[in-house]
């Protein structure tokens, strides 16, 4: 059914785990906030920020590796040229 497919989608994507974690955290708060929705937004927003930082880190690493590959390819070309003239 459509509902069952959607439930499986939420489970696979980790949405159920994230929502459960934030709701358990809210339940365990000794000093519960007046605005529960703000607590939930803050929690989920924090995860998004962490994920963005990880994405930025991986993009930087990818750029550095691409640069290194380019340098190594130039070195290979130079060595091949030297072998031809030797």
PDB file of N, CA and C in Angstrom:
ATOM      1  N   UNK A   1       0.829  -1.189   0.000  1.00  0.00           N
ATOM      2  CA  UNK A   1       0.000   0.000   0.000  1.00  0.00           C
ATOM      3  C   UNK A   1       0.872   1.250   0.000  1.00  0.00           C
ATOM      4  N   UNK A   2       0.260   2.349  -0.290  1.00  0.00           N
ATOM      5  CA  UNK A   2       0.974   3.621  -0.365  1.00  0.00           C
ATOM      6  C   UNK A   2       1.537   4.013   1.005  1.00  0.00           C
ATOM      7  N   UNK A   3       0.745   3.794   2.058  1.00  0.00           N
ATOM      8  CA  UNK A   3       1.207   4.121   3.413  1.00  0.00           C
ATOM      9  C   UNK A   3       2.400   3.261   3.806  1.00  0.00           C
ATOM     10  N   UNK A   4       2.339   2.002   3.481  1.00  0.00           N
ATOM     11  CA  UNK A   4       3.421   1.068   3.818  1.00  0.00           C
ATOM     12  C   UNK A   4       4.700   1.437   3.064  1.00  0.00           C
ATOM     13  N   UNK A   5       4.577   1.813   1.809  1.00  0.00           N
ATOM     14  CA  UNK A   5       5.736   2.251   1.025  1.00  0.00           C
ATOM     15  C   UNK A   5       6.367   3.495   1.639  1.00  0.00           C
ATOM     16  N   UNK A   6       5.527   4.414   2.065  1.00  0.00           N
ATOM     17  CA  UNK A   6       6.036   5.646   2.668  1.00  0.00           C
ATOM     18  C   UNK A   6       6.737   5.348   3.992  1.00  0.00           C
ATOM     19  N   UNK A   7       6.172   4.445   4.784  1.00  0.00           N
ATOM     20  CA  UNK A   7       6.783   4.065   6.057  1.00  0.00           C
ATOM     21  C   UNK A   7       8.162   3.439   5.813  1.00  0.00           C
ATOM     22  N   UNK A   8       8.264   2.549   4.822  1.00  0.00           N
ATOM     23  CA  UNK A   8       9.553   1.928   4.492  1.00  0.00           C
ATOM     24  C   UNK A   8      10.564   2.975   4.025  1.00  0.00           C
ATOM     25  N   UNK A   9      10.089   3.929   3.247  1.00  0.00           N
ATOM     26  CA  UNK A   9      10.949   5.028   2.790  1.00  0.00           C
ATOM     27  C   UNK A   9      11.506   5.804   3.984  1.00  0.00           C
ATOM     28  N   UNK A  10      10.640   6.140   4.943  1.00  0.00           N
ATOM     29  CA  UNK A  10      11.084   6.882   6.129  1.00  0.00           C
ATOM     30  C   UNK A  10      12.091   6.080   6.941  1.00  0.00           C
ATOM     31  N   UNK A  11      11.885   4.789   7.039  1.00  0.00           N
ATOM     32  CA  UNK A  11      12.824   3.946   7.775  1.00  0.00           C
ATOM     33  C   UNK A  11      14.166   3.866   7.063  1.00  0.00           C
ATOM     34  N   UNK A  12      14.148   3.645   5.747  1.00  0.00           N
ATOM     35  CA  UNK A  12      15.388   3.529   4.975  1.00  0.00           C
ATOM     36  C   UNK A  12      16.199   4.818   4.992  1.00  0.00           C
ATOM     37  N   UNK A  13      15.522   5.939   4.936  1.00  0.00           N
ATOM     38  CA  UNK A  13      16.222   7.224   4.864  1.00  0.00           C
ATOM     39  C   UNK A  13      16.734   7.694   6.216  1.00  0.00           C
ATOM     40  N   UNK A  14      16.346   7.008   7.291  1.00  0.00           N
ATOM     41  CA  UNK A  14      16.817   7.390   8.620  1.00  0.00           C
ATOM     42  C   UNK A  14      15.947   8.421   9.303  1.00  0.00           C
ATOM     43  N   UNK A  15      14.852   8.804   8.669  1.00  0.00           N
ATOM     44  CA  UNK A  15      13.978   9.825   9.254  1.00  0.00           C
ATOM     45  C   UNK A  15      13.346   9.338  10.552  1.00  0.00           C
ATOM     46  N   UNK A  16      12.941   8.080  10.584  1.00  0.00           N
ATOM     47  CA  UNK A  16      12.318   7.532  11.793  1.00  0.00           C
ATOM     48  C   UNK A  16      13.311   7.571  12.949  1.00  0.00           C
ATOM     49  N   UNK A  17      14.553   7.150  12.703  1.00  0.00           N
ATOM     50  CA  UNK A  17      15.574   7.166  13.759  1.00  0.00           C
ATOM     51  C   UNK A  17      15.842   8.578  14.255  1.00  0.00           C
ATOM     52  N   UNK A  18      15.944   9.531  13.337  1.00  0.00           N
ATOM     53  CA  UNK A  18      16.203  10.917  13.733  1.00  0.00           C
ATOM     54  C   UNK A  18      15.060  11.482  14.561  1.00  0.00           C
ATOM     55  N   UNK A  19      13.845  11.259  14.106  1.00  0.00           N
ATOM     56  CA  UNK A  19      12.685  11.770  14.846  1.00  0.00           C
ATOM     57  C   UNK A  19      12.561  11.093  16.206  1.00  0.00           C
ATOM     58  N   UNK A  20      12.812   9.794  16.253  1.00  0.00           N
ATOM     59  CA  UNK A  20      12.762   9.084  17.532  1.00  0.00           C
ATOM     60  C   UNK A  20      13.804   9.643  18.488  1.00  0.00           C
ATOM     61  N   UNK A  21      15.015   9.870  17.993  1.00  0.00           N
ATOM     62  CA  UNK A  21      16.086  10.410  18.841  1.00  0.00           C
ATOM     63  C   UNK A  21      15.723  11.771  19.412  1.00  0.00           C
ATOM     64  N   UNK A  22      15.193  12.649  18.565  1.00  0.00           N
ATOM     65  CA  UNK A  22      14.858  13.987  19.046  1.00  0.00           C
ATOM     66  C   UNK A  22      13.702  13.932  20.038  1.00  0.00           C
ATOM     67  N   UNK A  23      12.733  13.063  19.802  1.00  0.00           N
ATOM     68  CA  UNK A  23      11.605  12.961  20.731  1.00  0.00           C
ATOM     69  C   UNK A  23      12.028  12.338  22.060  1.00  0.00           C
ATOM     70  N   UNK A  24      12.916  11.358  22.019  1.00  0.00           N
ATOM     71  CA  UNK A  24      13.444  10.781  23.261  1.00  0.00           C
ATOM     72  C   UNK A  24      14.239  11.838  24.012  1.00  0.00           C
ATOM     73  N   UNK A  25      15.048  12.614  23.292  1.00  0.00           N
ATOM     74  CA  UNK A  25      15.808  13.690  23.928  1.00  0.00           C
ATOM     75  C   UNK A  25      14.899  14.703  24.590  1.00  0.00           C
ATOM     76  N   UNK A  26      13.841  15.057  23.922  1.00  0.00           N
ATOM     77  CA  UNK A  26      12.873  16.003  24.482  1.00  0.00           C
ATOM     78  C   UNK A  26      12.198  15.410  25.714  1.00  0.00           C
ATOM     79  N   UNK A  27      11.861  14.145  25.647  1.00  0.00           N
ATOM     80  CA  UNK A  27      11.226  13.460  26.777  1.00  0.00           C
ATOM     81  C   UNK A  27      12.153  13.433  27.991  1.00  0.00           C
ATOM     82  N   UNK A  28      13.455  13.234  27.746  1.00  0.00           N
ATOM     83  CA  UNK A  28      14.427  13.112  28.834  1.00  0.00           C
ATOM     84  C   UNK A  28      14.899  14.455  29.375  1.00  0.00           C
ATOM     85  N   UNK A  29      14.549  15.551  28.720  1.00  0.00           N
ATOM     86  CA  UNK A  29      14.932  16.879  29.205  1.00  0.00           C
ATOM     87  C   UNK A  29      14.316  17.120  30.579  1.00  0.00           C
ATOM     88  N   UNK A  30      15.157  17.511  31.531  1.00  0.00           N
ATOM     89  CA  UNK A  30      14.613  17.809  32.864  1.00  0.00           C
ATOM     90  C   UNK A  30      13.887  19.151  32.855  1.00  0.00           C
ATOM     91  N   UNK A  31      14.388  20.078  32.054  1.00  0.00           N
ATOM     92  CA  UNK A  31      13.764  21.398  31.944  1.00  0.00           C
ATOM     93  C   UNK A  31      13.232  21.538  30.520  1.00  0.00           C
ATOM     94  N   UNK A  32      12.041  21.061  30.296  1.00  0.00           N
ATOM     95  CA  UNK A  32      11.477  21.048  28.942  1.00  0.00           C
ATOM     96  C   UNK A  32      11.190  22.465  28.448  1.00  0.00           C
ATOM     97  N   UNK A  33      11.547  22.714  27.189  1.00  0.00           N
ATOM     98  CA  UNK A  33      11.294  24.042  26.618  1.00  0.00           C
ATOM     99  C   UNK A  33       9.797  24.278  26.420  1.00  0.00           C
ATOM    100  N   UNK A  34       9.424  25.554  26.444  1.00  0.00           N
ATOM    101  CA  UNK A  34       8.021  25.900  26.214  1.00  0.00           C
ATOM    102  C   UNK A  34       7.603  25.555  24.787  1.00  0.00           C
ATOM    103  N   UNK A  35       8.508  25.768  23.857  1.00  0.00           N
ATOM    104  CA  UNK A  35       8.223  25.509  22.442  1.00  0.00           C
ATOM    105  C   UNK A  35       8.912  24.212  22.016  1.00  0.00           C
ATOM    106  N   UNK A  36       8.182  23.132  22.014  1.00  0.00           N
ATOM    107  CA  UNK A  36       8.769  21.843  21.640  1.00  0.00           C
ATOM    108  C   UNK A  36       9.206  21.829  20.171  1.00  0.00           C
ATOM    109  N   UNK A  37       8.484  22.550  19.333  1.00  0.00           N
ATOM    110  CA  UNK A  37       8.850  22.573  17.914  1.00  0.00           C
ATOM    111  C   UNK A  37      10.204  23.253  17.699  1.00  0.00           C
ATOM    112  N   UNK A  38      10.512  24.256  18.512  1.00  0.00           N
ATOM    113  CA  UNK A  38      11.820  24.913  18.408  1.00  0.00           C
ATOM    114  C   UNK A  38      12.935  23.944  18.799  1.00  0.00           C
ATOM    115  N   UNK A  39      12.691  23.146  19.823  1.00  0.00           N
ATOM    116  CA  UNK A  39      13.658  22.131  20.250  1.00  0.00           C
ATOM    117  C   UNK A  39      13.922  21.154  19.101  1.00  0.00           C
ATOM    118  N   UNK A  40      12.852  20.710  18.467  1.00  0.00           N
ATOM    119  CA  UNK A  40      12.970  19.756  17.363  1.00  0.00           C
ATOM    120  C   UNK A  40      13.719  20.387  16.190  1.00  0.00           C
ATOM    121  N   UNK A  41      13.386  21.626  15.853  1.00  0.00           N
ATOM    122  CA  UNK A  41      14.071  22.323  14.759  1.00  0.00           C
ATOM    123  C   UNK A  41      15.555  22.475  15.059  1.00  0.00           C
ATOM    124  N   UNK A  42      15.866  22.832  16.296  1.00  0.00           N
ATOM    125  CA  UNK A  42      17.265  23.020  16.697  1.00  0.00           C
ATOM    126  C   UNK A  42      18.026  21.706  16.568  1.00  0.00           C
ATOM    127  N   UNK A  43      17.436  20.625  17.049  1.00  0.00           N
ATOM    128  CA  UNK A  43      18.081  19.320  16.978  1.00  0.00           C
ATOM    129  C   UNK A  43      18.315  18.903  15.529  1.00  0.00           C
ATOM    130  N   UNK A  44      17.295  18.966  14.727  1.00  0.00           N
ATOM    131  CA  UNK A  44      17.417  18.542  13.331  1.00  0.00           C
ATOM    132  C   UNK A  44      18.302  19.493  12.535  1.00  0.00           C
ATOM    133  N   UNK A  45      18.244  20.780  12.847  1.00  0.00           N
ATOM    134  CA  UNK A  45      19.111  21.753  12.188  1.00  0.00           C
ATOM    135  C   UNK A  45      20.566  21.517  12.512  1.00  0.00           C
ATOM    136  N   UNK A  46      20.843  21.086  13.747  1.00  0.00           N
ATOM    137  CA  UNK A  46      22.214  20.779  14.150  1.00  0.00           C
ATOM    138  C   UNK A  46      22.781  19.628  13.346  1.00  0.00           C
ATOM    139  N   UNK A  47      21.956  18.636  13.088  1.00  0.00           N
ATOM    140  CA  UNK A  47      22.394  17.510  12.268  1.00  0.00           C
ATOM    141  C   UNK A  47      22.701  17.976  10.855  1.00  0.00           C
ATOM    142  N   UNK A  48      21.880  18.868  10.347  1.00  0.00           N
ATOM    143  CA  UNK A  48      22.083  19.374   8.991  1.00  0.00           C
ATOM    144  C   UNK A  48      23.402  20.139   8.910  1.00  0.00           C
ATOM    145  N   UNK A  49      23.697  20.917   9.946  1.00  0.00           N
ATOM    146  CA  UNK A  49      24.942  21.683   9.956  1.00  0.00           C
ATOM    147  C   UNK A  49      26.146  20.740   9.996  1.00  0.00           C
ATOM    148  N   UNK A  50      26.072  19.689  10.806  1.00  0.00           N
ATOM    149  CA  UNK A  50      27.165  18.721  10.865  1.00  0.00           C
ATOM    150  C   UNK A  50      27.367  18.053   9.510  1.00  0.00           C
ATOM    151  N   UNK A  51      26.277  17.714   8.867  1.00  0.00           N
ATOM    152  CA  UNK A  51      26.363  17.069   7.565  1.00  0.00           C
ATOM    153  C   UNK A  51      26.964  18.020   6.531  1.00  0.00           C
ATOM    154  N   UNK A  52      26.605  19.300   6.589  1.00  0.00           N
ATOM    155  CA  UNK A  52      27.163  20.284   5.664  1.00  0.00           C
ATOM    156  C   UNK A  52      28.665  20.433   5.883  1.00  0.00           C
ATOM    157  N   UNK A  53      29.097  20.432   7.149  1.00  0.00           N
ATOM    158  CA  UNK A  53      30.525  20.523   7.443  1.00  0.00           C
ATOM    159  C   UNK A  53      31.271  19.314   6.887  1.00  0.00           C
ATOM    160  N   UNK A  54      30.689  18.137   7.039  1.00  0.00           N
ATOM    161  CA  UNK A  54      31.305  16.921   6.501  1.00  0.00           C
ATOM    162  C   UNK A  54      31.366  16.984   4.976  1.00  0.00           C
ATOM    163  N   UNK A  55      30.307  17.471   4.341  1.00  0.00           N
ATOM    164  CA  UNK A  55      30.296  17.624   2.880  1.00  0.00           C
ATOM    165  C   UNK A  55      31.383  18.585   2.424  1.00  0.00           C
ATOM    166  N   UNK A  56      31.527  19.711   3.124  1.00  0.00           N
ATOM    167  CA  UNK A  56      32.559  20.689   2.775  1.00  0.00           C
ATOM    168  C   UNK A  56      33.951  20.081   2.910  1.00  0.00           C
ATOM    169  N   UNK A  57      34.149  19.320   3.972  1.00  0.00           N
ATOM    170  CA  UNK A  57      35.443  18.667   4.208  1.00  0.00           C
ATOM    171  C   UNK A  57      35.755  17.683   3.080  1.00  0.00           C
ATOM    172  N   UNK A  58      34.764  16.895   2.687  1.00  0.00           N
ATOM    173  CA  UNK A  58      34.966  15.920   1.617  1.00  0.00           C
ATOM    174  C   UNK A  58      35.203  16.596   0.270  1.00  0.00           C
ATOM    175  N   UNK A  59      34.519  17.712   0.008  1.00  0.00           N
ATOM    176  CA  UNK A  59      34.742  18.451  -1.238  1.00  0.00           C
ATOM    177  C   UNK A  59      36.167  18.989  -1.296  1.00  0.00           C
ATOM    178  N   UNK A  60      36.647  19.508  -0.175  1.00  0.00           N
ATOM    179  CA  UNK A  60      38.012  20.031  -0.117  1.00  0.00           C
ATOM    180  C   UNK A  60      39.017  18.906  -0.356  1.00  0.00           C
ATOM    181  N   UNK A  61      38.801  17.780   0.305  1.00  0.00           N
ATOM    182  CA  UNK A  61      39.689  16.634   0.122  1.00  0.00           C
ATOM    183  C   UNK A  61      39.663  16.167  -1.331  1.00  0.00           C
ATOM    184  N   UNK A  62      38.490  16.150  -1.938  1.00  0.00           N
ATOM    185  CA  UNK A  62      38.352  15.750  -3.335  1.00  0.00           C
ATOM    186  C   UNK A  62      39.129  16.694  -4.252  1.00  0.00           C
ATOM    187  N   UNK A  63      39.026  17.992  -4.007  1.00  0.00           N
ATOM    188  CA  UNK A  63      39.762  18.972  -4.811  1.00  0.00           C
ATOM    189  C   UNK A  63      41.269  18.772  -4.674  1.00  0.00           C
ATOM    190  N   UNK A  64      41.722  18.511  -3.438  1.00  0.00           N
ATOM    191  CA  UNK A  64      43.153  18.286  -3.211  1.00  0.00           C
ATOM    192  C   UNK A  64      43.629  17.035  -3.941  1.00  0.00           C
ATOM    193  N   UNK A  65      42.825  15.987  -3.904  1.00  0.00           N
ATOM    194  CA  UNK A  65      43.196  14.748  -4.586  1.00  0.00           C
ATOM    195  C   UNK A  65      43.206  14.927  -6.104  1.00  0.00           C
ATOM    196  N   UNK A  66      42.260  15.689  -6.632  1.00  0.00           N
ATOM    197  CA  UNK A  66      42.250  15.969  -8.071  1.00  0.00           C
ATOM    198  C   UNK A  66      43.516  16.720  -8.473  1.00  0.00           C
ATOM    199  N   UNK A  67      43.915  17.670  -7.644  1.00  0.00           N
ATOM    200  CA  UNK A  67      45.124  18.440  -7.910  1.00  0.00           C
ATOM    201  C   UNK A  67      46.349  17.523  -7.894  1.00  0.00           C
ATOM    202  N   UNK A  68      46.388  16.614  -6.934  1.00  0.00           N
ATOM    203  CA  UNK A  68      47.513  15.675  -6.822  1.00  0.00           C
ATOM    204  C   UNK A  68      47.562  14.755  -8.048  1.00  0.00           C
ATOM    205  N   UNK A  69      46.415  14.287  -8.495  1.00  0.00           N
ATOM    206  CA  UNK A  69      46.353  13.436  -9.691  1.00  0.00           C
ATOM    207  C   UNK A  69      46.881  14.210 -10.898  1.00  0.00           C
ATOM    208  N   UNK A  70      46.495  15.471 -11.011  1.00  0.00           N
ATOM    209  CA  UNK A  70      46.967  16.308 -12.119  1.00  0.00           C
ATOM    210  C   UNK A  70      48.493  16.431 -12.075  1.00  0.00           C
ATOM    211  N   UNK A  71      49.042  16.683 -10.887  1.00  0.00           N
ATOM    212  CA  UNK A  71      50.496  16.794 -10.732  1.00  0.00           C
ATOM    213  C   UNK A  71      51.189  15.493 -11.117  1.00  0.00           C
ATOM    214  N   UNK A  72      50.641  14.378 -10.673  1.00  0.00           N
ATOM    215  CA  UNK A  72      51.239  13.080 -10.987  1.00  0.00           C
ATOM    216  C   UNK A  72      51.172  12.781 -12.481  1.00  0.00           C
ATOM    217  N   UNK A  73      50.091  13.163 -13.128  1.00  0.00           N
ATOM    218  CA  UNK A  73      49.991  12.971 -14.580  1.00  0.00           C
ATOM    219  C   UNK A  73      51.038  13.794 -15.319  1.00  0.00           C
ATOM    220  N   UNK A  74      51.296  15.012 -14.844  1.00  0.00           N
ATOM    221  CA  UNK A  74      52.345  15.843 -15.455  1.00  0.00           C
ATOM    222  C   UNK A  74      53.711  15.182 -15.282  1.00  0.00           C
ATOM    223  N   UNK A  75      53.954  14.633 -14.091  1.00  0.00           N
ATOM    224  CA  UNK A  75      55.218  13.952 -13.825  1.00  0.00           C
ATOM    225  C   UNK A  75      55.383  12.753 -14.749  1.00  0.00           C
ATOM    226  N   UNK A  76      54.326  12.001 -14.944  1.00  0.00           N
ATOM    227  CA  UNK A  76      54.364  10.844 -15.845  1.00  0.00           C
ATOM    228  C   UNK A  76      54.701  11.291 -17.261  1.00  0.00           C
ATOM    229  N   UNK A  77      54.069  12.367 -17.725  1.00  0.00           N
ATOM    230  CA  UNK A  77      54.350  12.885 -19.069  1.00  0.00           C
ATOM    231  C   UNK A  77      55.815  13.282 -19.200  1.00  0.00           C
ATOM    232  N   UNK A  78      56.341  13.958 -18.193  1.00  0.00           N
ATOM    233  CA  UNK A  78      57.738  14.390 -18.214  1.00  0.00           C
ATOM    234  C   UNK A  78      58.669  13.187 -18.256  1.00  0.00           C
ATOM    235  N   UNK A  79      58.397  12.191 -17.445  1.00  0.00           N
ATOM    236  CA  UNK A  79      59.243  10.995 -17.416  1.00  0.00           C
ATOM    237  C   UNK A  79      59.188  10.241 -18.743  1.00  0.00           C
ATOM    238  N   UNK A  80      58.015  10.163 -19.341  1.00  0.00           N
ATOM    239  CA  UNK A  80      57.886   9.504 -20.648  1.00  0.00           C
ATOM    240  C   UNK A  80      58.672  10.265 -21.717  1.00  0.00           C
ATOM    241  N   UNK A  81      58.599  11.587 -21.661  1.00  0.00           N
ATOM    242  CA  UNK A  81      59.344  12.409 -22.621  1.00  0.00           C
ATOM    243  C   UNK A  81      60.842  12.204 -22.436  1.00  0.00           C
ATOM    244  N   UNK A  82      61.292  12.114 -21.195  1.00  0.00           N
ATOM    245  CA  UNK A  82      62.713  11.893 -20.920  1.00  0.00           C
ATOM    246  C   UNK A  82      63.168  10.525 -21.414  1.00  0.00           C
ATOM    247  N   UNK A  83      62.304   9.525 -21.313  1.00  0.00           N
ATOM    248  CA  UNK A  83      62.654   8.187 -21.798  1.00  0.00           C
ATOM    249  C   UNK A  83      62.793   8.169 -23.315  1.00  0.00           C
ATOM    250  N   UNK A  84      61.951   8.926 -24.002  1.00  0.00           N
ATOM    251  CA  UNK A  84      62.002   8.963 -25.466  1.00  0.00           C
ATOM    252  C   UNK A  84      63.282   9.624 -25.963  1.00  0.00           C
ATOM    253  N   UNK A  85      63.762  10.635 -25.237  1.00  0.00           N
ATOM    254  CA  UNK A  85      64.965  11.357 -25.665  1.00  0.00           C
ATOM    255  C   UNK A  85      66.238  10.670 -25.202  1.00  0.00           C
ATOM    256  N   UNK A  86      66.126   9.698 -24.316  1.00  0.00           N
ATOM    257  CA  UNK A  86      67.325   9.029 -23.781  1.00  0.00           C
ATOM    258  C   UNK A  86      67.830   7.950 -24.698  1.00  0.00           C
TER     259      UNK A  86
END
